[in-house]
Amino acid sequence: MEERFIASFIHCYFIAFGVIIGGAIIGSIGAFITGDAPLTTISRIAKSLRIWAIVAAIGGTFDAISNFEKGFLDGQTIDLFKQFLFILSAMGGVKTAIILIEWLIQEDIT
């Protein structure tokens, strides 16, 4: 595998991780300011940001669809496989962030 792919793979993981952690923490600050329960808000925000973190990590949906199209129609299966690995990496970042948030707030997010 080429060096640029590995760097992008790692970036996808940490971008998804950062979207969940950052969005949940900053959102809970807003909840605290308005008088809501910040820990409950953290879990609610983290749950609602899951798919958006994956989309942000892979660079938007149109690039992913374009790469899937190139893989299917042009017979370039390596691009299809790389895109699948990027999505898998982003999903891993989301899951890690959710587990960390659950551990910190001691509440089940499911």
C-alpha atoms as a PDB file:
ATOM      1  CA  MET A   1       0.000   0.000   0.000  1.00  0.00           C
ATOM      2  CA  GLU A   2       1.191   3.458  -0.733  1.00  0.00           C
ATOM      3  CA  GLU A   3       2.204   5.939   1.933  1.00  0.00           C
ATOM      4  CA  ARG A   4      -0.508   8.488   1.099  1.00  0.00           C
ATOM      5  CA  PHE A   5      -3.254   5.900   1.610  1.00  0.00           C
ATOM      6  CA  ILE A   6      -2.024   5.064   5.107  1.00  0.00           C
ATOM      7  CA  ALA A   7      -1.894   8.741   6.044  1.00  0.00           C
ATOM      8  CA  SER A   8      -5.457   9.263   4.749  1.00  0.00           C
ATOM      9  CA  PHE A   9      -6.599   6.142   6.606  1.00  0.00           C
ATOM     10  CA  ILE A  10      -5.258   7.530   9.890  1.00  0.00           C
ATOM     11  CA  HIS A  11      -6.709  10.979   9.149  1.00  0.00           C
ATOM     12  CA  CYS A  12     -10.175   9.480   8.604  1.00  0.00           C
ATOM     13  CA  TYR A  13     -10.032   7.778  11.989  1.00  0.00           C
ATOM     14  CA  PHE A  14      -9.038  10.883  13.901  1.00  0.00           C
ATOM     15  CA  ILE A  15     -11.345  13.254  12.030  1.00  0.00           C
ATOM     16  CA  ALA A  16     -14.348  11.092  12.925  1.00  0.00           C
ATOM     17  CA  PHE A  17     -13.069  10.790  16.492  1.00  0.00           C
ATOM     18  CA  GLY A  18     -12.649  14.572  16.753  1.00  0.00           C
ATOM     19  CA  VAL A  19     -16.071  15.364  15.308  1.00  0.00           C
ATOM     20  CA  ILE A  20     -17.775  13.216  17.950  1.00  0.00           C
ATOM     21  CA  ILE A  21     -15.668  14.369  20.907  1.00  0.00           C
ATOM     22  CA  GLY A  22     -15.562  18.035  19.917  1.00  0.00           C
ATOM     23  CA  GLY A  23     -19.194  18.277  18.905  1.00  0.00           C
ATOM     24  CA  ALA A  24     -20.428  16.573  22.053  1.00  0.00           C
ATOM     25  CA  ILE A  25     -18.285  18.643  24.414  1.00  0.00           C
ATOM     26  CA  ILE A  26     -18.956  21.994  22.743  1.00  0.00           C
ATOM     27  CA  GLY A  27     -22.656  21.155  22.512  1.00  0.00           C
ATOM     28  CA  SER A  28     -22.762  20.318  26.203  1.00  0.00           C
ATOM     29  CA  ILE A  29     -21.268  23.724  27.012  1.00  0.00           C
ATOM     30  CA  GLY A  30     -24.238  25.266  25.227  1.00  0.00           C
ATOM     31  CA  ALA A  31     -26.568  23.035  27.214  1.00  0.00           C
ATOM     32  CA  PHE A  32     -24.902  24.096  30.455  1.00  0.00           C
ATOM     33  CA  ILE A  33     -25.304  27.771  29.564  1.00  0.00           C
ATOM     34  CA  THR A  34     -29.003  27.300  28.829  1.00  0.00           C
ATOM     35  CA  GLY A  35     -29.608  25.337  32.032  1.00  0.00           C
ATOM     36  CA  ASP A  36     -29.983  21.836  30.591  1.00  0.00           C
ATOM     37  CA  ALA A  37     -28.185  18.748  31.892  1.00  0.00           C
ATOM     38  CA  PRO A  38     -24.774  18.710  30.161  1.00  0.00           C
ATOM     39  CA  LEU A  39     -24.024  14.993  30.615  1.00  0.00           C
ATOM     40  CA  THR A  40     -27.341  13.918  29.165  1.00  0.00           C
ATOM     41  CA  THR A  41     -26.824  16.369  26.323  1.00  0.00           C
ATOM     42  CA  ILE A  42     -23.356  14.942  25.622  1.00  0.00           C
ATOM     43  CA  SER A  43     -24.824  11.490  25.089  1.00  0.00           C
ATOM     44  CA  ARG A  44     -27.677  12.796  22.930  1.00  0.00           C
ATOM     45  CA  ILE A  45     -25.367  14.879  20.739  1.00  0.00           C
ATOM     46  CA  ALA A  46     -22.814  12.078  20.368  1.00  0.00           C
ATOM     47  CA  LYS A  47     -25.574   9.730  19.243  1.00  0.00           C
ATOM     48  CA  SER A  48     -26.880  12.179  16.663  1.00  0.00           C
ATOM     49  CA  LEU A  49     -23.430  13.033  15.267  1.00  0.00           C
ATOM     50  CA  ARG A  50     -22.440   9.463  14.344  1.00  0.00           C
ATOM     51  CA  ILE A  51     -23.289   9.511  10.642  1.00  0.00           C
ATOM     52  CA  TRP A  52     -22.098  13.109  10.185  1.00  0.00           C
ATOM     53  CA  ALA A  53     -18.714  12.239  11.650  1.00  0.00           C
ATOM     54  CA  ILE A  54     -18.303   9.444   9.103  1.00  0.00           C
ATOM     55  CA  VAL A  55     -19.360  11.718   6.241  1.00  0.00           C
ATOM     56  CA  ALA A  56     -16.974  14.452   7.396  1.00  0.00           C
ATOM     57  CA  ALA A  57     -14.107  11.991   7.763  1.00  0.00           C
ATOM     58  CA  ILE A  58     -14.389  10.538   4.264  1.00  0.00           C
ATOM     59  CA  GLY A  59     -14.555  14.003   2.731  1.00  0.00           C
ATOM     60  CA  GLY A  60     -18.206  14.220   1.842  1.00  0.00           C
ATOM     61  CA  THR A  61     -20.609  11.861   0.177  1.00  0.00           C
ATOM     62  CA  PHE A  62     -19.979  12.829  -3.438  1.00  0.00           C
ATOM     63  CA  ASP A  63     -16.329  11.757  -3.388  1.00  0.00           C
ATOM     64  CA  ALA A  64     -17.301   8.436  -1.860  1.00  0.00           C
ATOM     65  CA  ILE A  65     -20.011   7.862  -4.467  1.00  0.00           C
ATOM     66  CA  SER A  66     -17.616   8.855  -7.236  1.00  0.00           C
ATOM     67  CA  ASN A  67     -15.018   6.372  -5.987  1.00  0.00           C
ATOM     68  CA  PHE A  68     -17.605   3.608  -5.718  1.00  0.00           C
ATOM     69  CA  GLU A  69     -18.760   4.383  -9.247  1.00  0.00           C
ATOM     70  CA  LYS A  70     -15.189   4.266 -10.510  1.00  0.00           C
ATOM     71  CA  GLY A  71     -14.702   0.929  -8.767  1.00  0.00           C
ATOM     72  CA  PHE A  72     -17.837  -0.657 -10.181  1.00  0.00           C
ATOM     73  CA  LEU A  73     -18.076   0.791 -13.671  1.00  0.00           C
ATOM     74  CA  ASP A  74     -14.428   1.199 -14.591  1.00  0.00           C
ATOM     75  CA  GLY A  75     -13.304  -2.065 -13.033  1.00  0.00           C
ATOM     76  CA  GLN A  76     -10.911  -0.415 -10.592  1.00  0.00           C
ATOM     77  CA  THR A  77     -11.581  -2.589  -7.578  1.00  0.00           C
ATOM     78  CA  ILE A  78      -8.629  -1.184  -5.644  1.00  0.00           C
ATOM     79  CA  ASP A  79     -10.415   2.195  -5.409  1.00  0.00           C
ATOM     80  CA  LEU A  80     -13.532   0.448  -4.171  1.00  0.00           C
ATOM     81  CA  PHE A  81     -11.523  -1.417  -1.539  1.00  0.00           C
ATOM     82  CA  LYS A  82      -9.708   1.762  -0.432  1.00  0.00           C
ATOM     83  CA  GLN A  83     -12.992   3.629  -0.037  1.00  0.00           C
ATOM     84  CA  PHE A  84     -14.396   0.774   2.021  1.00  0.00           C
ATOM     85  CA  LEU A  85     -11.327   0.926   4.285  1.00  0.00           C
ATOM     86  CA  PHE A  86     -11.732   4.701   4.695  1.00  0.00           C
ATOM     87  CA  ILE A  87     -15.343   4.224   5.790  1.00  0.00           C
ATOM     88  CA  LEU A  88     -14.299   1.420   8.138  1.00  0.00           C
ATOM     89  CA  SER A  89     -11.600   3.659   9.643  1.00  0.00           C
ATOM     90  CA  ALA A  90     -14.113   6.470  10.195  1.00  0.00           C
ATOM     91  CA  MET A  91     -16.526   4.031  11.831  1.00  0.00           C
ATOM     92  CA  GLY A  92     -13.725   2.924  14.147  1.00  0.00           C
ATOM     93  CA  GLY A  93     -13.056   6.527  15.136  1.00  0.00           C
ATOM     94  CA  VAL A  94     -16.734   7.071  15.884  1.00  0.00           C
ATOM     95  CA  LYS A  95     -16.952   3.900  17.967  1.00  0.00           C
ATOM     96  CA  THR A  96     -13.819   4.805  19.928  1.00  0.00           C
ATOM     97  CA  ALA A  97     -15.162   8.277  20.686  1.00  0.00           C
ATOM     98  CA  ILE A  98     -18.543   6.875  21.767  1.00  0.00           C
ATOM     99  CA  ILE A  99     -16.837   4.383  24.088  1.00  0.00           C
ATOM    100  CA  LEU A 100     -14.670   7.155  25.564  1.00  0.00           C
ATOM    101  CA  ILE A 101     -17.699   9.381  26.140  1.00  0.00           C
ATOM    102  CA  GLU A 102     -19.614   6.502  27.738  1.00  0.00           C
ATOM    103  CA  TRP A 103     -16.662   5.861  30.008  1.00  0.00           C
ATOM    104  CA  LEU A 104     -16.344   9.517  31.011  1.00  0.00           C
ATOM    105  CA  ILE A 105     -20.015  10.218  31.712  1.00  0.00           C
ATOM    106  CA  GLN A 106     -20.855   6.723  33.023  1.00  0.00           C
ATOM    107  CA  GLU A 107     -24.021   6.560  30.958  1.00  0.00           C
ATOM    108  CA  ASP A 108     -25.087   4.197  28.199  1.00  0.00           C
ATOM    109  CA  ILE A 109     -25.491   5.965  24.845  1.00  0.00           C
ATOM    110  CA  THR A 110     -27.007   3.273  22.586  1.00  0.00           C
END
